[in-house]
Amino acid sequence: MELRRPSNADEAAAALGNGSVALAGGTEVVPLMREGLLRAETLVQITDAVPRGISGTRIGAGTTLAELEVDPQVPQALREACSLAASPQLRSMGTVGGNLLQATRCWYWRLGFDCWLHGGERCFAKDGAHREHAIFGNDLCASAHPSDVAAALLALGATLRTTRRELPLAELYRLPTADDRSTTTLAPDELILELDVPEPGASTYLKAMDRRKWAFPLVGAAAARTDGGIRIALAGVAPIPWTLDGAAALDDATPLPGTAYKVEIARALVRRALAQVDESPRSS
């Protein structure tokens, strides 16, 4: 295996593609490679190529979750999402850009089943154990996206700058289809460089998980109040981070028998999140 260390974003993008894989904090890539779910002949270390740090509403994609959770410039929902994600050790290594691209925790996918995301014709979760799986967008694949951070950034109306384009965060994600099983629109040789996160009037992120700390979300709920209203986004409920058009949209959920409980958890978290951002008197 070859390791490349480009010094800037253009060199890094040029080194990607053709089976090479970007490596930042390594908290996602290394476990996937160890488990045989990701294979690469070349790793492209992007630490020196991707911006890092926080300046006003701009956040470099190489900024760690640990840095984000303690910076007062960062909106409250994002600080809370980062503080609830993983262990302190992982937060000190994992980058915000990498966190947005997390792979599903679906155990069928992780165990290498020939499932829909692996190019098969079947979602094994639908007929098997599926307690942690999706309640939205699960027609073809019932996996659940695990990123707390992505849900917070969706609610905050974040935009991305990559080596190719600028786009709203929502456009980074897509539901898998028969023609394309990927869950993001990022090209193999495209890097996330920076995020712009508008300052809300108020924001919060709430999370239900099996353990009190350091667990992936059963349901995560982010809410952000702006001049245009309140935006809501959920984690752990669909193959991609999920934008919710108001609390009533939970009536449109399509849970599997074993995930119906998630709808009730989501209702409670959304109700609490909305109450918090409605009551908050100042930016947060």
Protein backbone atom coordinates (compact mmCIF):
# COMPACT_ATOMS: atom_id res chain seq x y z
CA MET A 1 0.00 0.00 0.00
CA GLU A 2 1.17 3.51 -0.86
CA LEU A 3 0.71 6.58 1.37
CA ARG A 4 0.73 10.01 -0.26
CA ARG A 5 0.97 13.31 1.62
CA PRO A 6 -0.09 16.18 -0.68
CA SER A 7 0.56 19.68 0.60
CA ASN A 8 -2.53 21.38 -0.85
CA ALA A 9 -6.10 20.66 -1.92
CA ASP A 10 -5.40 20.58 -5.66
CA GLU A 11 -2.67 17.99 -5.22
CA ALA A 12 -4.91 15.96 -2.90
CA ALA A 13 -7.81 15.96 -5.34
CA ALA A 14 -5.49 14.94 -8.18
CA ALA A 15 -4.24 12.01 -6.10
CA LEU A 16 -7.77 10.73 -5.43
CA GLY A 17 -9.84 8.50 -7.65
CA ASN A 18 -8.72 5.25 -9.28
CA GLY A 19 -9.27 3.40 -6.01
CA SER A 20 -7.32 5.74 -3.72
CA VAL A 21 -8.93 6.87 -0.46
CA ALA A 22 -8.63 10.10 1.53
CA LEU A 23 -7.37 9.76 5.10
CA ALA A 24 -7.76 12.49 7.72
CA GLY A 25 -8.28 11.55 11.37
CA GLY A 26 -8.61 7.89 10.46
CA THR A 27 -11.45 7.16 12.87
CA GLU A 28 -13.66 5.95 9.99
CA VAL A 29 -11.23 4.77 7.32
CA VAL A 30 -8.97 2.65 9.53
CA PRO A 31 -11.76 0.50 11.06
CA LEU A 32 -13.38 0.00 7.65
CA MET A 33 -10.09 -1.17 6.18
CA ARG A 34 -9.43 -3.42 9.16
CA GLU A 35 -12.85 -5.04 8.69
CA GLY A 36 -12.30 -5.49 4.94
CA LEU A 37 -15.18 -3.18 4.04
CA LEU A 38 -12.88 -0.65 2.40
CA ARG A 39 -9.95 -1.51 0.17
CA ALA A 40 -7.40 0.88 -1.26
CA GLU A 41 -4.02 0.58 -2.91
CA THR A 42 -3.26 4.21 -2.09
CA LEU A 43 -4.13 6.31 0.96
CA VAL A 44 -4.03 10.08 0.51
CA GLN A 45 -3.24 11.80 3.81
CA ILE A 46 -5.13 15.11 3.56
CA THR A 47 -4.20 16.64 6.93
CA ASP A 48 -1.98 19.29 5.33
CA ALA A 49 -4.26 19.80 2.34
CA VAL A 50 -7.59 20.61 4.00
CA PRO A 51 -8.28 23.80 6.00
CA ARG A 52 -8.54 23.50 9.76
CA GLY A 53 -9.89 25.96 12.29
CA ILE A 54 -12.85 28.23 13.00
CA SER A 55 -13.23 31.82 11.84
CA GLY A 56 -16.64 33.34 12.37
CA THR A 57 -19.13 31.20 10.47
CA ARG A 58 -16.41 29.38 8.50
CA ILE A 59 -15.17 25.99 9.66
CA GLY A 60 -12.34 24.11 7.99
CA ALA A 61 -13.20 20.51 7.13
CA GLY A 62 -10.09 19.36 8.99
CA THR A 63 -11.31 20.81 12.29
CA THR A 64 -11.77 18.12 14.93
CA LEU A 65 -15.00 17.52 16.83
CA ALA A 66 -13.11 18.23 20.05
CA GLU A 67 -12.21 21.69 18.77
CA LEU A 68 -15.78 22.41 17.72
CA GLU A 69 -17.42 21.34 20.97
CA VAL A 70 -15.55 23.95 23.05
CA ASP A 71 -15.42 26.96 20.71
CA PRO A 72 -17.93 29.71 21.64
CA GLN A 73 -18.10 30.84 18.00
CA VAL A 74 -19.82 27.55 17.12
CA PRO A 75 -23.63 27.41 17.36
CA GLN A 76 -24.95 25.47 20.33
CA ALA A 77 -26.53 22.66 18.26
CA LEU A 78 -23.19 21.85 16.66
CA ARG A 79 -21.29 22.06 19.96
CA GLU A 80 -23.80 19.70 21.56
CA ALA A 81 -23.75 17.26 18.65
CA CYS A 82 -19.96 17.10 18.75
CA SER A 83 -19.86 16.63 22.52
CA LEU A 84 -22.31 13.71 22.27
CA ALA A 85 -20.49 11.97 19.41
CA ALA A 86 -18.16 9.10 20.28
CA SER A 87 -15.50 9.13 23.01
CA PRO A 88 -13.13 12.02 23.84
CA GLN A 89 -10.28 10.15 22.17
CA LEU A 90 -12.19 9.77 18.91
CA ARG A 91 -13.44 13.36 19.02
CA SER A 92 -9.85 14.57 19.34
CA MET A 93 -8.96 12.76 16.09
CA GLY A 94 -12.15 12.76 14.02
CA THR A 95 -12.70 15.70 11.66
CA VAL A 96 -15.96 17.39 10.81
CA GLY A 97 -15.46 16.63 7.11
CA GLY A 98 -14.93 12.96 7.79
CA ASN A 99 -17.85 12.80 10.19
CA LEU A 100 -20.23 13.94 7.46
CA LEU A 101 -19.16 10.96 5.36
CA GLN A 102 -19.63 8.25 7.98
CA ALA A 103 -20.70 4.83 6.78
CA THR A 104 -23.80 3.18 8.17
CA ARG A 105 -23.63 1.14 11.35
CA CYS A 106 -26.12 -1.39 9.90
CA TRP A 107 -24.78 -4.75 11.07
CA TYR A 108 -25.73 -6.50 7.80
CA TRP A 109 -23.57 -4.05 5.87
CA ARG A 110 -20.81 -4.21 8.47
CA LEU A 111 -20.79 -8.03 8.34
CA GLY A 112 -20.45 -8.01 4.56
CA PHE A 113 -23.88 -9.35 3.63
CA ASP A 114 -24.75 -8.96 -0.04
CA CYS A 115 -27.25 -6.27 0.92
CA TRP A 116 -28.64 -3.38 -1.10
CA LEU A 117 -25.80 -1.01 -0.22
CA HIS A 118 -23.25 -3.69 -1.17
CA GLY A 119 -24.90 -4.03 -4.59
CA GLY A 120 -27.28 -6.86 -3.77
CA GLU A 121 -31.00 -7.06 -4.38
CA ARG A 122 -32.21 -7.33 -0.80
CA CYS A 123 -32.26 -5.31 2.41
CA PHE A 124 -31.70 -7.99 5.03
CA ALA A 125 -32.81 -5.68 7.82
CA LYS A 126 -36.41 -5.74 6.63
CA ASP A 127 -36.82 -9.44 7.39
CA GLY A 128 -34.17 -9.65 10.12
CA ALA A 129 -33.24 -7.85 13.31
CA HIS A 130 -33.63 -4.12 12.73
CA ARG A 131 -34.07 -2.36 16.06
CA GLU A 132 -31.58 0.41 15.19
CA HIS A 133 -32.70 0.95 11.61
CA ALA A 134 -34.63 3.56 9.64
CA ILE A 135 -38.11 5.01 9.92
CA PHE A 136 -37.84 7.27 6.83
CA GLY A 137 -36.53 6.74 3.30
CA ASN A 138 -36.36 2.99 3.78
CA ASP A 139 -38.07 1.67 0.67
CA LEU A 140 -34.90 0.05 -0.67
CA CYS A 141 -32.45 0.28 2.23
CA ALA A 142 -33.34 0.50 5.92
CA SER A 143 -29.90 1.55 7.16
CA ALA A 144 -29.64 4.55 9.49
CA HIS A 145 -27.09 7.34 9.10
CA PRO A 146 -25.15 7.69 12.37
CA SER A 147 -23.84 11.28 12.25
CA ASP A 148 -25.00 13.58 15.05
CA VAL A 149 -22.97 16.37 13.47
CA ALA A 150 -24.67 16.10 10.08
CA ALA A 151 -28.12 16.50 11.61
CA ALA A 152 -27.03 19.57 13.55
CA LEU A 153 -25.48 21.14 10.46
CA LEU A 154 -28.60 20.41 8.40
CA ALA A 155 -30.79 22.20 10.91
CA LEU A 156 -28.33 25.10 10.97
CA GLY A 157 -28.52 25.48 7.18
CA ALA A 158 -24.82 24.83 6.59
CA THR A 159 -23.26 25.01 3.14
CA LEU A 160 -20.15 23.23 1.90
CA ARG A 161 -17.23 24.23 -0.27
CA THR A 162 -15.46 21.37 -2.00
CA THR A 163 -12.65 21.21 -4.52
CA ARG A 164 -15.34 21.38 -7.23
CA ARG A 165 -18.35 23.36 -6.03
CA GLU A 166 -20.36 25.04 -3.30
CA LEU A 167 -23.58 23.39 -2.18
CA PRO A 168 -26.09 23.25 0.66
CA LEU A 169 -25.28 20.37 3.00
CA ALA A 170 -28.58 18.70 2.11
CA GLU A 171 -27.33 18.27 -1.46
CA LEU A 172 -24.37 16.23 -0.25
CA TYR A 173 -26.72 13.35 0.52
CA ARG A 174 -28.94 11.14 -1.61
CA LEU A 175 -31.03 8.06 -1.00
CA PRO A 176 -29.58 4.96 -2.70
CA THR A 177 -31.33 3.83 -5.86
CA ALA A 178 -31.16 0.83 -8.18
CA ASP A 179 -28.84 2.78 -10.47
CA ASP A 180 -26.59 4.23 -7.76
CA ARG A 181 -26.18 2.67 -4.32
CA SER A 182 -24.11 5.53 -2.88
CA THR A 183 -25.58 7.81 -0.21
CA THR A 184 -23.59 10.94 -1.06
CA THR A 185 -23.08 13.01 -4.20
CA LEU A 186 -19.35 13.47 -3.54
CA ALA A 187 -17.18 12.36 -6.47
CA PRO A 188 -14.27 9.98 -5.75
CA ASP A 189 -11.75 12.77 -6.46
CA GLU A 190 -13.67 15.52 -4.64
CA LEU A 191 -12.76 16.80 -1.17
CA ILE A 192 -14.82 18.74 1.35
CA LEU A 193 -12.74 21.81 2.20
CA GLU A 194 -14.86 24.11 4.32
CA LEU A 195 -18.27 24.68 5.84
CA ASP A 196 -20.19 27.89 6.31
CA VAL A 197 -22.55 27.69 9.28
CA PRO A 198 -24.90 30.68 9.69
CA GLU A 199 -25.45 31.94 13.22
CA PRO A 200 -29.01 31.04 14.31
CA GLY A 201 -31.22 32.87 16.75
CA ALA A 202 -31.15 29.71 18.87
CA SER A 203 -30.32 26.05 18.33
CA THR A 204 -30.07 22.74 20.14
CA TYR A 205 -29.28 19.07 19.59
CA LEU A 206 -30.84 16.28 21.65
CA LYS A 207 -29.98 12.60 21.45
CA ALA A 208 -31.46 9.29 22.56
CA MET A 209 -29.00 6.40 22.78
CA ASP A 210 -28.66 3.01 24.43
CA ARG A 211 -25.90 4.18 26.76
CA ARG A 212 -25.65 7.49 28.55
CA LYS A 213 -22.41 8.28 26.72
CA TRP A 214 -20.45 7.43 23.60
CA ALA A 215 -23.10 5.60 21.61
CA PHE A 216 -24.55 6.16 18.16
CA PRO A 217 -27.98 7.80 18.06
CA LEU A 218 -31.13 5.76 18.15
CA VAL A 219 -32.63 9.15 17.31
CA GLY A 220 -30.97 12.55 17.30
CA ALA A 221 -32.97 15.75 16.88
CA ALA A 222 -31.56 19.17 15.95
CA ALA A 223 -33.54 22.40 15.79
CA ALA A 224 -32.41 25.87 14.79
CA ARG A 225 -34.43 29.09 14.88
CA THR A 226 -33.72 31.67 12.18
CA ASP A 227 -35.56 34.69 10.79
CA GLY A 228 -37.17 32.31 8.31
CA GLY A 229 -38.55 29.96 10.95
CA ILE A 230 -37.35 26.80 12.66
CA ARG A 231 -35.50 24.03 10.86
CA ILE A 232 -35.51 20.47 12.21
CA ALA A 233 -33.21 17.60 11.26
CA LEU A 234 -32.87 14.04 12.55
CA ALA A 235 -30.04 11.56 12.93
CA GLY A 236 -30.37 7.78 13.09
CA VAL A 237 -33.71 7.61 11.28
CA ALA A 238 -32.91 7.20 7.56
CA PRO A 239 -30.06 6.11 5.27
CA ILE A 240 -29.09 9.79 5.16
CA PRO A 241 -29.43 12.68 7.66
CA TRP A 242 -33.09 13.60 7.49
CA THR A 243 -34.71 17.03 7.26
CA LEU A 244 -38.11 17.17 8.91
CA ASP A 245 -40.73 19.63 7.66
CA GLY A 246 -42.23 20.24 11.07
CA ALA A 247 -43.22 17.93 13.91
CA ALA A 248 -46.33 16.77 12.04
CA ALA A 249 -44.11 15.18 9.38
CA LEU A 250 -43.41 12.37 11.85
CA ASP A 251 -46.87 11.10 10.93
CA ASP A 252 -45.37 10.18 7.54
CA ALA A 253 -42.76 7.85 9.02
CA THR A 254 -42.58 4.32 7.61
CA PRO A 255 -41.08 2.31 10.47
CA LEU A 256 -40.38 -1.38 10.37
CA PRO A 257 -42.03 -3.42 13.14
CA GLY A 258 -38.93 -3.19 15.30
CA THR A 259 -38.34 0.52 14.78
CA ALA A 260 -41.81 1.90 15.55
CA TYR A 261 -40.54 2.94 18.98
CA LYS A 262 -38.19 5.41 17.24
CA VAL A 263 -41.16 7.44 16.02
CA GLU A 264 -42.27 8.06 19.59
CA ILE A 265 -38.73 8.94 20.67
CA ALA A 266 -38.47 11.36 17.74
CA ARG A 267 -41.76 13.00 18.73
CA ALA A 268 -40.51 13.57 22.26
CA LEU A 269 -37.11 14.90 21.18
CA VAL A 270 -38.57 17.20 18.53
CA ARG A 271 -41.11 18.57 21.01
CA ARG A 272 -38.34 19.29 23.53
CA ALA A 273 -36.03 20.77 20.89
CA LEU A 274 -38.73 23.10 19.57
CA ALA A 275 -39.55 24.25 23.08
CA GLN A 276 -35.90 25.02 23.77
CA VAL A 277 -35.31 27.12 20.64
CA ASP A 278 -38.64 28.93 21.08
CA GLU A 279 -37.76 29.89 24.63
CA SER A 280 -34.11 30.82 24.07
CA PRO A 281 -33.77 34.64 24.27
CA ARG A 282 -30.45 35.00 22.42
CA SER A 283 -28.18 33.42 19.84
CA SER A 284 -26.91 29.97 20.76
